Amino acid sequence: MKLRHAVYAAMATLALFGLSKPVSADTLPAYDITADIPASQIDKNNLSSIDLKLAPGQKEQVTFYIKNNTDSEMTLRMTGGTATTRENGKINYVTGSQNVTGNVPYKVGDTIDIQSSVTIPAKGQTSVQGTITMPDQSFVGQLVGGVSFVRTTTSNTASEIPVILQNDTTSVKPVLKVGKASLSDLSSNRVLGVVLRNKANTLVKDATVTTSVTDKNDKVVYEKDGKVDIAPQSSFTFDIKKNLKSIKVGTYKVHVTVASGDVKTTETRTMKVTAAQVAQLAGQQVSSADDWKNPANWWKLLIWPIVVFVVVFLARRYLLPKRRRKHNGPREDLKRKDD
């Protein structure tokens, strides 16, 4: 049995599935990728990813078959990488090791050895062999990554074949955390979002997210629900409101619930919106005078009167008495007249 991956010239696809009905020449994929299912595949019926159970240090070879359906010679660039989570809550299975910031025990990209490119003749096909080497030390949970195939003539013709590695099939529950809520990218996408994290070595699929944003009067001003995927040991910003046009200065509460299976996390975060942020949303330059509109900065108004009072008090307390004592002494010119 083989994994089959069809890639169309107009889009990138992530699933490894066979076409169930005939296609016309106009919709024929630019190239097809199939892969032999390795003997160590955990679920032989899983045609969506390479999912291997390997012992520490064990190697497994995977052969990819690539068919060029076009009338021109085609070159594909191939790369192994580690999974991270995109800002839309989707998995990027092939992230370069230097861009993986999560605390993963090992990076899948470092375990995959595959040639960097291959050229397929017009209407022809070829095969490419890759080697996956398990880390020498055992680990608990899943290592998730993949292999990408990118057509060098265009950036939007690409595919990713997921690779999941395990030492054993013991289930690991996700550890879901809620991070900071904030406004970001105010000059373009204008996002009100909250950071979500998966701190376990397990791939989270179809987690449900429920959010609401309330103002100081507990009135709901924004809310959004959705489903997300989260790579192991990764985080991303869940967009509660995108293309935000306006929001009032003040303090807001962001209520978040994330659930995957029987794991559920509910958190509330505080988000402060400043006059500078409101002005930036409106495409305006904020002046220092506008900053006083933010209640969070009103404490500054109290500082200067206190400073002035302290300076005057100290001056009256220590400087003026000395000046009085000096002037209260006998004047020399009057002494000479009296004599």
C-alpha atoms as a PDB file:
ATOM      1  CA  MET A   1       0.000   0.000   0.000  1.00  0.00           C
ATOM      2  CA  LYS A   2       1.216   3.502  -0.793  1.00  0.00           C
ATOM      3  CA  LEU A   3       0.574   6.967   0.456  1.00  0.00           C
ATOM      4  CA  ARG A   4      -0.522   9.161  -2.432  1.00  0.00           C
ATOM      5  CA  HIS A   5      -0.130  12.898  -2.625  1.00  0.00           C
ATOM      6  CA  ALA A   6      -1.476  14.938  -5.529  1.00  0.00           C
ATOM      7  CA  VAL A   7      -0.319  18.553  -5.814  1.00  0.00           C
ATOM      8  CA  TYR A   8      -2.087  21.095  -8.001  1.00  0.00           C
ATOM      9  CA  ALA A   9      -0.334  24.004  -9.645  1.00  0.00           C
ATOM     10  CA  ALA A  10      -2.663  26.566  -8.100  1.00  0.00           C
ATOM     11  CA  MET A  11      -2.465  25.536  -4.463  1.00  0.00           C
ATOM     12  CA  ALA A  12      -0.567  23.679  -1.746  1.00  0.00           C
ATOM     13  CA  THR A  13      -2.159  20.619  -0.181  1.00  0.00           C
ATOM     14  CA  LEU A  14      -1.355  18.862   3.064  1.00  0.00           C
ATOM     15  CA  ALA A  15      -3.393  15.642   3.013  1.00  0.00           C
ATOM     16  CA  LEU A  16      -2.046  12.427   1.510  1.00  0.00           C
ATOM     17  CA  PHE A  17      -5.050  10.947  -0.216  1.00  0.00           C
ATOM     18  CA  GLY A  18      -5.954   9.267  -3.479  1.00  0.00           C
ATOM     19  CA  LEU A  19      -8.225  10.804  -6.079  1.00  0.00           C
ATOM     20  CA  SER A  20     -11.516   8.900  -5.970  1.00  0.00           C
ATOM     21  CA  LYS A  21     -12.791   9.888  -9.413  1.00  0.00           C
ATOM     22  CA  PRO A  22     -11.318  10.715 -12.838  1.00  0.00           C
ATOM     23  CA  VAL A  23     -10.005  14.216 -13.463  1.00  0.00           C
ATOM     24  CA  SER A  24      -9.840  16.147 -16.707  1.00  0.00           C
ATOM     25  CA  ALA A  25      -6.642  17.431 -18.245  1.00  0.00           C
ATOM     26  CA  ASP A  26      -7.487  20.933 -17.047  1.00  0.00           C
ATOM     27  CA  THR A  27      -7.567  19.808 -13.411  1.00  0.00           C
ATOM     28  CA  LEU A  28      -4.777  17.244 -13.560  1.00  0.00           C
ATOM     29  CA  PRO A  29      -2.307  17.866 -10.732  1.00  0.00           C
ATOM     30  CA  ALA A  30       1.093  19.252 -11.670  1.00  0.00           C
ATOM     31  CA  TYR A  31       2.711  16.303  -9.946  1.00  0.00           C
ATOM     32  CA  ASP A  32       1.796  13.302  -7.814  1.00  0.00           C
ATOM     33  CA  ILE A  33       3.748  11.981  -4.857  1.00  0.00           C
ATOM     34  CA  THR A  34       3.318   8.486  -3.508  1.00  0.00           C
ATOM     35  CA  ALA A  35       5.299   6.837  -0.734  1.00  0.00           C
ATOM     36  CA  ASP A  36       5.730   3.244   0.328  1.00  0.00           C
ATOM     37  CA  ILE A  37       4.255   2.660   3.768  1.00  0.00           C
ATOM     38  CA  PRO A  38       7.206   1.538   5.934  1.00  0.00           C
ATOM     39  CA  ALA A  39       7.041  -1.651   7.951  1.00  0.00           C
ATOM     40  CA  SER A  40       7.221   0.388  11.168  1.00  0.00           C
ATOM     41  CA  GLN A  41       4.062   2.368  10.301  1.00  0.00           C
ATOM     42  CA  ILE A  42       1.829   2.310  13.406  1.00  0.00           C
ATOM     43  CA  ASP A  43      -1.477   2.366  11.516  1.00  0.00           C
ATOM     44  CA  LYS A  44      -1.256   0.790   8.078  1.00  0.00           C
ATOM     45  CA  ASN A  45      -4.635   2.336   7.211  1.00  0.00           C
ATOM     46  CA  ASN A  46      -3.366   5.846   7.928  1.00  0.00           C
ATOM     47  CA  LEU A  47      -2.826   7.385   4.501  1.00  0.00           C
ATOM     48  CA  SER A  48      -2.435  10.949   5.765  1.00  0.00           C
ATOM     49  CA  SER A  49       1.052  10.755   7.279  1.00  0.00           C
ATOM     50  CA  ILE A  50       4.172   8.700   7.870  1.00  0.00           C
ATOM     51  CA  ASP A  51       3.607   7.612  11.492  1.00  0.00           C
ATOM     52  CA  LEU A  52       6.439   5.401  12.735  1.00  0.00           C
ATOM     53  CA  LYS A  53       7.217   3.494  15.908  1.00  0.00           C
ATOM     54  CA  LEU A  54      10.995   3.122  16.156  1.00  0.00           C
ATOM     55  CA  ALA A  55      13.453   2.210  18.895  1.00  0.00           C
ATOM     56  CA  PRO A  56      16.162   4.712  19.918  1.00  0.00           C
ATOM     57  CA  GLY A  57      18.830   4.857  17.217  1.00  0.00           C
ATOM     58  CA  GLN A  58      16.772   2.782  14.754  1.00  0.00           C
ATOM     59  CA  LYS A  59      16.702   3.761  11.073  1.00  0.00           C
ATOM     60  CA  GLU A  60      13.876   3.529   8.556  1.00  0.00           C
ATOM     61  CA  GLN A  61      14.029   4.167   4.823  1.00  0.00           C
ATOM     62  CA  VAL A  62      11.110   5.763   2.985  1.00  0.00           C
ATOM     63  CA  THR A  63      10.837   5.821  -0.799  1.00  0.00           C
ATOM     64  CA  PHE A  64       8.906   8.643  -2.490  1.00  0.00           C
ATOM     65  CA  TYR A  65       7.670   8.241  -6.084  1.00  0.00           C
ATOM     66  CA  ILE A  66       7.139  11.485  -8.001  1.00  0.00           C
ATOM     67  CA  LYS A  67       5.222  11.736 -11.272  1.00  0.00           C
ATOM     68  CA  ASN A  68       5.381  14.843 -13.460  1.00  0.00           C
ATOM     69  CA  ASN A  69       2.040  15.421 -15.202  1.00  0.00           C
ATOM     70  CA  THR A  70       3.147  18.509 -17.133  1.00  0.00           C
ATOM     71  CA  ASP A  71       4.691  18.900 -20.578  1.00  0.00           C
ATOM     72  CA  SER A  72       7.835  20.488 -19.133  1.00  0.00           C
ATOM     73  CA  GLU A  73      10.764  19.269 -17.100  1.00  0.00           C
ATOM     74  CA  MET A  74      10.187  19.936 -13.411  1.00  0.00           C
ATOM     75  CA  THR A  75      12.547  20.416 -10.477  1.00  0.00           C
ATOM     76  CA  LEU A  76      11.397  19.940  -6.876  1.00  0.00           C
ATOM     77  CA  ARG A  77      13.286  21.120  -3.814  1.00  0.00           C
ATOM     78  CA  MET A  78      13.008  18.761  -0.840  1.00  0.00           C
ATOM     79  CA  THR A  79      13.501  19.572   2.822  1.00  0.00           C
ATOM     80  CA  GLY A  80      12.931  17.853   6.143  1.00  0.00           C
ATOM     81  CA  GLY A  81      11.648  19.982   9.013  1.00  0.00           C
ATOM     82  CA  THR A  82       9.987  20.145  12.424  1.00  0.00           C
ATOM     83  CA  ALA A  83       6.350  21.020  13.079  1.00  0.00           C
ATOM     84  CA  THR A  84       5.286  24.401  14.432  1.00  0.00           C
ATOM     85  CA  THR A  85       1.883  26.098  14.547  1.00  0.00           C
ATOM     86  CA  ARG A  86       0.872  28.863  12.176  1.00  0.00           C
ATOM     87  CA  GLU A  87      -1.033  31.920  13.388  1.00  0.00           C
ATOM     88  CA  ASN A  88      -4.255  30.502  11.931  1.00  0.00           C
ATOM     89  CA  GLY A  89      -4.077  27.423  14.150  1.00  0.00           C
ATOM     90  CA  LYS A  90      -2.810  25.117  11.409  1.00  0.00           C
ATOM     91  CA  ILE A  91       0.311  22.984  11.451  1.00  0.00           C
ATOM     92  CA  ASN A  92       3.426  23.906   9.489  1.00  0.00           C
ATOM     93  CA  TYR A  93       5.019  20.470   9.314  1.00  0.00           C
ATOM     94  CA  VAL A  94       8.282  21.631   7.763  1.00  0.00           C
ATOM     95  CA  THR A  95       9.897  24.429   9.762  1.00  0.00           C
ATOM     96  CA  GLY A  96      13.658  24.885   9.619  1.00  0.00           C
ATOM     97  CA  SER A  97      15.431  23.831  12.823  1.00  0.00           C
ATOM     98  CA  GLN A  98      16.717  27.383  13.391  1.00  0.00           C
ATOM     99  CA  ASN A  99      13.127  28.667  13.546  1.00  0.00           C
ATOM    100  CA  VAL A 100      11.819  26.097  16.032  1.00  0.00           C
ATOM    101  CA  THR A 101      11.449  27.897  19.362  1.00  0.00           C
ATOM    102  CA  GLY A 102       9.467  25.314  21.317  1.00  0.00           C
ATOM    103  CA  ASN A 103      11.088  23.053  23.895  1.00  0.00           C
ATOM    104  CA  VAL A 104      10.875  19.898  21.765  1.00  0.00           C
ATOM    105  CA  PRO A 105      13.106  17.022  22.937  1.00  0.00           C
ATOM    106  CA  TYR A 106      14.398  16.518  19.379  1.00  0.00           C
ATOM    107  CA  LYS A 107      13.811  18.246  16.043  1.00  0.00           C
ATOM    108  CA  VAL A 108      12.397  15.967  13.370  1.00  0.00           C
ATOM    109  CA  GLY A 109      14.193  17.945  10.678  1.00  0.00           C
ATOM    110  CA  ASP A 110      17.483  16.754  12.165  1.00  0.00           C
ATOM    111  CA  THR A 111      16.404  13.095  11.872  1.00  0.00           C
ATOM    112  CA  ILE A 112      15.510  13.192   8.155  1.00  0.00           C
ATOM    113  CA  ASP A 113      18.189  12.691   5.530  1.00  0.00           C
ATOM    114  CA  ILE A 114      16.990  13.340   1.971  1.00  0.00           C
ATOM    115  CA  GLN A 115      18.573  14.832  -1.137  1.00  0.00           C
ATOM    116  CA  SER A 116      18.009  18.534  -1.620  1.00  0.00           C
ATOM    117  CA  SER A 117      16.379  18.424  -5.067  1.00  0.00           C
ATOM    118  CA  VAL A 118      15.243  16.184  -7.899  1.00  0.00           C
ATOM    119  CA  THR A 119      14.433  16.838 -11.558  1.00  0.00           C
ATOM    120  CA  ILE A 120      11.611  14.915 -13.247  1.00  0.00           C
ATOM    121  CA  PRO A 121      11.326  14.840 -17.055  1.00  0.00           C
ATOM    122  CA  ALA A 122       8.137  15.960 -18.798  1.00  0.00           C
ATOM    123  CA  LYS A 123       5.423  13.331 -18.417  1.00  0.00           C
ATOM    124  CA  GLY A 124       7.966  11.228 -16.551  1.00  0.00           C
ATOM    125  CA  GLN A 125       8.481   9.888 -13.062  1.00  0.00           C
ATOM    126  CA  THR A 126      11.287   9.171 -10.624  1.00  0.00           C
ATOM    127  CA  SER A 127      11.871   7.973  -7.078  1.00  0.00           C
ATOM    128  CA  VAL A 128      13.673   9.521  -4.124  1.00  0.00           C
ATOM    129  CA  GLN A 129      14.785   7.677  -1.027  1.00  0.00           C
ATOM    130  CA  GLY A 130      14.996   9.258   2.401  1.00  0.00           C
ATOM    131  CA  THR A 131      16.310   7.931   5.692  1.00  0.00           C
ATOM    132  CA  ILE A 132      14.806   8.627   9.106  1.00  0.00           C
ATOM    133  CA  THR A 133      17.111   8.024  12.083  1.00  0.00           C
ATOM    134  CA  MET A 134      15.575   7.932  15.541  1.00  0.00           C
ATOM    135  CA  PRO A 135      17.400   9.887  18.288  1.00  0.00           C
ATOM    136  CA  ASP A 136      19.720   7.733  20.414  1.00  0.00           C
ATOM    137  CA  GLN A 137      17.944   8.671  23.627  1.00  0.00           C
ATOM    138  CA  SER A 138      14.367   7.588  24.284  1.00  0.00           C
ATOM    139  CA  PHE A 139      11.573  10.116  24.738  1.00  0.00           C
ATOM    140  CA  VAL A 140       7.946  10.177  25.765  1.00  0.00           C
ATOM    141  CA  GLY A 141       5.258  11.237  23.313  1.00  0.00           C
ATOM    142  CA  GLN A 142       5.522  12.273  19.678  1.00  0.00           C
ATOM    143  CA  LEU A 143       8.072  14.038  17.520  1.00  0.00           C
ATOM    144  CA  VAL A 144       6.262  15.737  14.648  1.00  0.00           C
ATOM    145  CA  GLY A 145       7.656  17.139  11.426  1.00  0.00           C
ATOM    146  CA  GLY A 146       7.584  16.404   7.744  1.00  0.00           C
ATOM    147  CA  VAL A 147       9.107  16.499   4.282  1.00  0.00           C
ATOM    148  CA  SER A 148       8.279  19.316   1.871  1.00  0.00           C
ATOM    149  CA  PHE A 149       8.316  19.204  -1.914  1.00  0.00           C
ATOM    150  CA  VAL A 150       8.512  22.676  -3.469  1.00  0.00           C
ATOM    151  CA  ARG A 151       8.481  23.369  -7.178  1.00  0.00           C
ATOM    152  CA  THR A 152      11.369  25.750  -7.829  1.00  0.00           C
ATOM    153  CA  THR A 153       9.596  27.771 -10.534  1.00  0.00           C
ATOM    154  CA  THR A 154       6.793  28.937  -8.262  1.00  0.00           C
ATOM    155  CA  SER A 155       6.350  29.344  -4.533  1.00  0.00           C
ATOM    156  CA  ASN A 156       2.682  28.326  -4.397  1.00  0.00           C
ATOM    157  CA  THR A 157       3.142  24.809  -5.754  1.00  0.00           C
ATOM    158  CA  ALA A 158       4.203  22.882  -2.675  1.00  0.00           C
ATOM    159  CA  SER A 159       3.252  19.994  -0.466  1.00  0.00           C
ATOM    160  CA  GLU A 160       4.129  18.704   2.975  1.00  0.00           C
ATOM    161  CA  ILE A 161       4.075  15.063   3.980  1.00  0.00           C
ATOM    162  CA  PRO A 162       3.740  14.808   7.790  1.00  0.00           C
ATOM    163  CA  VAL A 163       6.179  12.594   9.685  1.00  0.00           C
ATOM    164  CA  ILE A 164       5.339  11.466  13.236  1.00  0.00           C
ATOM    165  CA  LEU A 165       7.888   9.530  15.298  1.00  0.00           C
ATOM    166  CA  GLN A 166       7.319   7.610  18.543  1.00  0.00           C
ATOM    167  CA  ASN A 167       9.263   5.168  20.718  1.00  0.00           C
ATOM    168  CA  ASP A 168       6.019   3.603  21.887  1.00  0.00           C
ATOM    169  CA  THR A 169       2.322   4.194  21.453  1.00  0.00           C
ATOM    170  CA  THR A 170       1.576   5.252  25.035  1.00  0.00           C
ATOM    171  CA  SER A 171      -0.904   8.111  24.863  1.00  0.00           C
ATOM    172  CA  VAL A 172       0.298  11.522  26.094  1.00  0.00           C
ATOM    173  CA  LYS A 173      -2.327  14.080  27.015  1.00  0.00           C
ATOM    174  CA  PRO A 174      -1.903  17.658  25.808  1.00  0.00           C
ATOM    175  CA  VAL A 175      -0.995  20.401  28.276  1.00  0.00           C
ATOM    176  CA  LEU A 176      -2.933  23.452  27.095  1.00  0.00           C
ATOM    177  CA  LYS A 177      -1.980  26.911  28.355  1.00  0.00           C
ATOM    178  CA  VAL A 178      -3.343  30.407  27.754  1.00  0.00           C
ATOM    179  CA  GLY A 179      -0.789  33.189  27.318  1.00  0.00           C
ATOM    180  CA  LYS A 180      -0.969  36.948  26.907  1.00  0.00           C
ATOM    181  CA  ALA A 181      -3.906  38.738  25.299  1.00  0.00           C
ATOM    182  CA  SER A 182      -2.986  41.816  23.291  1.00  0.00           C
ATOM    183  CA  LEU A 183      -3.421  43.998  20.226  1.00  0.00           C
ATOM    184  CA  SER A 184      -0.828  43.386  17.521  1.00  0.00           C
ATOM    185  CA  ASP A 185       0.031  44.237  13.927  1.00  0.00           C
ATOM    186  CA  LEU A 186      -1.996  47.428  14.263  1.00  0.00           C
ATOM    187  CA  SER A 187      -0.911  48.958  10.965  1.00  0.00           C
ATOM    188  CA  SER A 188      -2.048  46.079   8.729  1.00  0.00           C
ATOM    189  CA  ASN A 189      -3.953  43.021  10.022  1.00  0.00           C
ATOM    190  CA  ARG A 190      -5.090  44.783  13.235  1.00  0.00           C
ATOM    191  CA  VAL A 191      -5.390  41.708  15.411  1.00  0.00           C
ATOM    192  CA  LEU A 192      -6.900  41.320  18.857  1.00  0.00           C
ATOM    193  CA  GLY A 193      -5.656  37.921  19.917  1.00  0.00           C
ATOM    194  CA  VAL A 194      -4.519  35.615  22.684  1.00  0.00           C
ATOM    195  CA  VAL A 195      -1.560  33.231  22.767  1.00  0.00           C
ATOM    196  CA  LEU A 196      -2.365  29.513  23.075  1.00  0.00           C
ATOM    197  CA  ARG A 197       0.280  26.906  23.925  1.00  0.00           C
ATOM    198  CA  ASN A 198       0.621  23.146  23.818  1.00  0.00           C
ATOM    199  CA  LYS A 199       3.375  22.238  26.276  1.00  0.00           C
ATOM    200  CA  ALA A 200       3.237  18.464  25.763  1.00  0.00           C
ATOM    201  CA  ASN A 201       5.009  16.172  23.299  1.00  0.00           C
ATOM    202  CA  THR A 202       1.801  15.341  21.490  1.00  0.00           C
ATOM    203  CA  LEU A 203       0.046  16.593  18.381  1.00  0.00           C
ATOM    204  CA  VAL A 204      -3.267  18.306  19.154  1.00  0.00           C
ATOM    205  CA  LYS A 205      -5.915  18.000  16.430  1.00  0.00           C
ATOM    206  CA  ASP A 206      -9.271  19.792  16.281  1.00  0.00           C
ATOM    207  CA  ALA A 207      -9.070  21.447  19.696  1.00  0.00           C
ATOM    208  CA  THR A 208     -12.068  23.689  20.378  1.00  0.00           C
ATOM    209  CA  VAL A 209     -11.457  27.301  21.397  1.00  0.00           C
ATOM    210  CA  THR A 210     -14.091  29.586  22.917  1.00  0.00           C
ATOM    211  CA  THR A 211     -13.269  33.242  23.588  1.00  0.00           C
ATOM    212  CA  SER A 212     -15.007  36.444  24.642  1.00  0.00           C
ATOM    213  CA  VAL A 213     -13.779  39.955  25.420  1.00  0.00           C
ATOM    214  CA  THR A 214     -15.625  42.070  28.008  1.00  0.00           C
ATOM    215  CA  ASP A 215     -15.230  45.743  28.916  1.00  0.00           C
ATOM    216  CA  LYS A 216     -15.199  47.339  32.375  1.00  0.00           C
ATOM    217  CA  ASN A 217     -19.003  46.961  32.542  1.00  0.00           C
ATOM    218  CA  ASP A 218     -18.769  43.209  31.787  1.00  0.00           C
ATOM    219  CA  LYS A 219     -20.333  43.789  28.393  1.00  0.00           C
ATOM    220  CA  VAL A 220     -19.198  41.387  25.681  1.00  0.00           C
ATOM    221  CA  VAL A 221     -17.585  43.452  22.912  1.00  0.00           C
ATOM    222  CA  TYR A 222     -15.997  40.626  20.893  1.00  0.00           C
ATOM    223  CA  GLU A 223     -16.249  36.849  20.834  1.00  0.00           C
ATOM    224  CA  LYS A 224     -15.094  34.010  18.640  1.00  0.00           C
ATOM    225  CA  ASP A 225     -15.115  30.205  18.651  1.00  0.00           C
ATOM    226  CA  GLY A 226     -13.081  27.883  16.480  1.00  0.00           C
ATOM    227  CA  LYS A 227     -11.140  24.671  16.004  1.00  0.00           C
ATOM    228  CA  VAL A 228      -7.351  24.572  15.898  1.00  0.00           C
ATOM    229  CA  ASP A 229      -4.428  22.182  15.552  1.00  0.00           C
ATOM    230  CA  ILE A 230      -1.346  22.718  17.717  1.00  0.00           C
ATOM    231  CA  ALA A 231       2.047  21.117  17.165  1.00  0.00           C
ATOM    232  CA  PRO A 232       3.910  19.644  20.158  1.00  0.00           C
ATOM    233  CA  GLN A 233       5.660  22.220  22.357  1.00  0.00           C
ATOM    234  CA  SER A 234       4.476  25.137  20.232  1.00  0.00           C
ATOM    235  CA  SER A 235       2.374  28.280  20.532  1.00  0.00           C
ATOM    236  CA  PHE A 236       0.454  30.634  18.261  1.00  0.00           C
ATOM    237  CA  THR A 237      -1.858  33.650  18.459  1.00  0.00           C
ATOM    238  CA  PHE A 238      -5.553  32.861  18.171  1.00  0.00           C
ATOM    239  CA  ASP A 239      -7.265  35.746  16.377  1.00  0.00           C
ATOM    240  CA  ILE A 240     -10.330  36.783  18.367  1.00  0.00           C
ATOM    241  CA  LYS A 241     -10.877  39.793  16.115  1.00  0.00           C
ATOM    242  CA  LYS A 242      -9.036  40.530  12.895  1.00  0.00           C
ATOM    243  CA  ASN A 243      -9.146  43.737  10.872  1.00  0.00           C
ATOM    244  CA  LEU A 244     -10.122  45.591  14.031  1.00  0.00           C
ATOM    245  CA  LYS A 245     -11.358  49.053  13.084  1.00  0.00           C
ATOM    246  CA  SER A 246     -11.723  50.694  16.482  1.00  0.00           C
ATOM    247  CA  ILE A 247     -11.679  50.023  20.199  1.00  0.00           C
ATOM    248  CA  LYS A 248     -11.972  52.290  23.222  1.00  0.00           C
ATOM    249  CA  VAL A 249      -9.156  53.066  25.603  1.00  0.00           C
ATOM    250  CA  GLY A 250      -9.452  51.049  28.789  1.00  0.00           C
ATOM    251  CA  THR A 251      -9.004  47.688  30.477  1.00  0.00           C
ATOM    252  CA  TYR A 252     -10.641  44.556  29.108  1.00  0.00           C
ATOM    253  CA  LYS A 253     -11.035  40.958  30.279  1.00  0.00           C
ATOM    254  CA  VAL A 254     -10.317  38.190  27.779  1.00  0.00           C
ATOM    255  CA  HIS A 255     -11.997  34.892  28.683  1.00  0.00           C
ATOM    256  CA  VAL A 256     -10.591  31.771  26.999  1.00  0.00           C
ATOM    257  CA  THR A 257     -11.488  28.066  27.080  1.00  0.00           C
ATOM    258  CA  VAL A 258      -9.413  25.495  25.170  1.00  0.00           C
ATOM    259  CA  ALA A 259     -10.446  21.831  25.083  1.00  0.00           C
ATOM    260  CA  SER A 260      -9.010  18.703  23.471  1.00  0.00           C
ATOM    261  CA  GLY A 261     -10.639  15.399  24.372  1.00  0.00           C
ATOM    262  CA  ASP A 262     -11.004  15.286  28.143  1.00  0.00           C
ATOM    263  CA  VAL A 263      -8.402  18.040  28.659  1.00  0.00           C
ATOM    264  CA  LYS A 264      -9.903  21.474  29.243  1.00  0.00           C
ATOM    265  CA  THR A 265      -8.307  24.774  30.262  1.00  0.00           C
ATOM    266  CA  THR A 266     -10.193  27.958  31.162  1.00  0.00           C
ATOM    267  CA  GLU A 267      -8.320  31.203  31.829  1.00  0.00           C
ATOM    268  CA  THR A 268      -9.022  34.944  31.993  1.00  0.00           C
ATOM    269  CA  ARG A 269      -6.444  37.518  30.912  1.00  0.00           C
ATOM    270  CA  THR A 270      -6.403  41.296  31.361  1.00  0.00           C
ATOM    271  CA  MET A 271      -5.700  43.467  28.338  1.00  0.00           C
ATOM    272  CA  LYS A 272      -5.032  47.219  28.525  1.00  0.00           C
ATOM    273  CA  VAL A 273      -5.670  49.380  25.471  1.00  0.00           C
ATOM    274  CA  THR A 274      -3.778  52.687  25.336  1.00  0.00           C
ATOM    275  CA  ALA A 275      -4.524  55.920  23.517  1.00  0.00           C
ATOM    276  CA  ALA A 276      -1.457  55.303  21.357  1.00  0.00           C
ATOM    277  CA  GLN A 277      -2.864  51.963  20.175  1.00  0.00           C
ATOM    278  CA  VAL A 278      -6.275  53.465  19.436  1.00  0.00           C
ATOM    279  CA  ALA A 279      -4.638  56.227  17.412  1.00  0.00           C
ATOM    280  CA  GLN A 280      -2.542  53.701  15.487  1.00  0.00           C
ATOM    281  CA  LEU A 281      -5.657  51.709  14.622  1.00  0.00           C
ATOM    282  CA  ALA A 282      -7.118  54.902  13.182  1.00  0.00           C
ATOM    283  CA  GLY A 283      -3.934  55.527  11.213  1.00  0.00           C
ATOM    284  CA  GLN A 284      -3.089  58.617  13.249  1.00  0.00           C
ATOM    285  CA  GLN A 285      -0.017  59.848  15.043  1.00  0.00           C
ATOM    286  CA  VAL A 286      -0.556  59.990  18.770  1.00  0.00           C
ATOM    287  CA  SER A 287       0.612  63.084  20.653  1.00  0.00           C
ATOM    288  CA  SER A 288       1.767  63.146  24.238  1.00  0.00           C
ATOM    289  CA  ALA A 289      -1.379  65.092  25.105  1.00  0.00           C
ATOM    290  CA  ASP A 290      -3.558  62.232  23.869  1.00  0.00           C
ATOM    291  CA  ASP A 291      -1.822  59.869  26.245  1.00  0.00           C
ATOM    292  CA  TRP A 292      -3.539  61.583  29.204  1.00  0.00           C
ATOM    293  CA  LYS A 293      -6.854  60.209  27.877  1.00  0.00           C
ATOM    294  CA  ASN A 294      -5.768  56.804  29.042  1.00  0.00           C
ATOM    295  CA  PRO A 295      -6.929  56.260  32.654  1.00  0.00           C
ATOM    296  CA  ALA A 296      -3.866  54.102  33.228  1.00  0.00           C
ATOM    297  CA  ASN A 297      -1.734  57.257  32.896  1.00  0.00           C
ATOM    298  CA  TRP A 298      -3.771  59.469  35.208  1.00  0.00           C
ATOM    299  CA  TRP A 299      -1.409  58.703  38.093  1.00  0.00           C
ATOM    300  CA  LYS A 300       1.124  60.887  36.260  1.00  0.00           C
ATOM    301  CA  LEU A 301      -1.115  63.893  36.871  1.00  0.00           C
ATOM    302  CA  LEU A 302      -0.657  63.436  40.616  1.00  0.00           C
ATOM    303  CA  ILE A 303       3.120  63.221  40.513  1.00  0.00           C
ATOM    304  CA  TRP A 304       3.929  66.801  39.545  1.00  0.00           C
ATOM    305  CA  PRO A 305       1.844  68.515  42.264  1.00  0.00           C
ATOM    306  CA  ILE A 306       3.497  66.259  44.831  1.00  0.00           C
ATOM    307  CA  VAL A 307       6.968  67.035  43.481  1.00  0.00           C
ATOM    308  CA  VAL A 308       6.289  70.797  43.547  1.00  0.00           C
ATOM    309  CA  PHE A 309       4.930  70.586  47.101  1.00  0.00           C
ATOM    310  CA  VAL A 310       8.004  68.696  48.342  1.00  0.00           C
ATOM    311  CA  VAL A 311      10.406  71.172  46.714  1.00  0.00           C
ATOM    312  CA  VAL A 312       8.595  74.197  48.190  1.00  0.00           C
ATOM    313  CA  PHE A 313       8.375  72.552  51.609  1.00  0.00           C
ATOM    314  CA  LEU A 314      12.085  71.746  51.705  1.00  0.00           C
ATOM    315  CA  ALA A 315      12.970  75.243  50.521  1.00  0.00           C
ATOM    316  CA  ARG A 316      10.878  76.870  53.245  1.00  0.00           C
ATOM    317  CA  ARG A 317      12.080  74.427  55.865  1.00  0.00           C
ATOM    318  CA  TYR A 318      15.846  74.620  55.317  1.00  0.00           C
ATOM    319  CA  LEU A 319      16.802  77.531  53.060  1.00  0.00           C
ATOM    320  CA  LEU A 320      14.611  80.428  54.228  1.00  0.00           C
ATOM    321  CA  PRO A 321      15.524  80.184  57.975  1.00  0.00           C
ATOM    322  CA  LYS A 322      19.242  80.514  57.096  1.00  0.00           C
ATOM    323  CA  ARG A 323      18.574  83.610  55.038  1.00  0.00           C
ATOM    324  CA  ARG A 324      16.578  85.143  57.912  1.00  0.00           C
ATOM    325  CA  ARG A 325      19.368  84.511  60.455  1.00  0.00           C
ATOM    326  CA  LYS A 326      21.889  86.091  58.172  1.00  0.00           C
ATOM    327  CA  HIS A 327      19.847  89.273  57.625  1.00  0.00           C
ATOM    328  CA  ASN A 328      18.819  89.577  61.296  1.00  0.00           C
ATOM    329  CA  GLY A 329      22.429  90.222  62.409  1.00  0.00           C
ATOM    330  CA  PRO A 330      23.729  93.860  63.167  1.00  0.00           C
ATOM    331  CA  ARG A 331      24.530  95.907  60.101  1.00  0.00           C
ATOM    332  CA  GLU A 332      28.141  97.248  59.948  1.00  0.00           C
ATOM    333  CA  ASP A 333      27.175 100.580  58.361  1.00  0.00           C
ATOM    334  CA  LEU A 334      24.763 101.419  61.191  1.00  0.00           C
ATOM    335  CA  LYS A 335      27.444 100.594  63.759  1.00  0.00           C
ATOM    336  CA  ARG A 336      29.827 103.136  62.238  1.00  0.00           C
ATOM    337  CA  LYS A 337      27.148 105.886  62.340  1.00  0.00           C
ATOM    338  CA  ASP A 338      26.441 105.279  66.004  1.00  0.00           C
ATOM    339  CA  ASP A 339      30.130 105.580  66.825  1.00  0.00           C
END
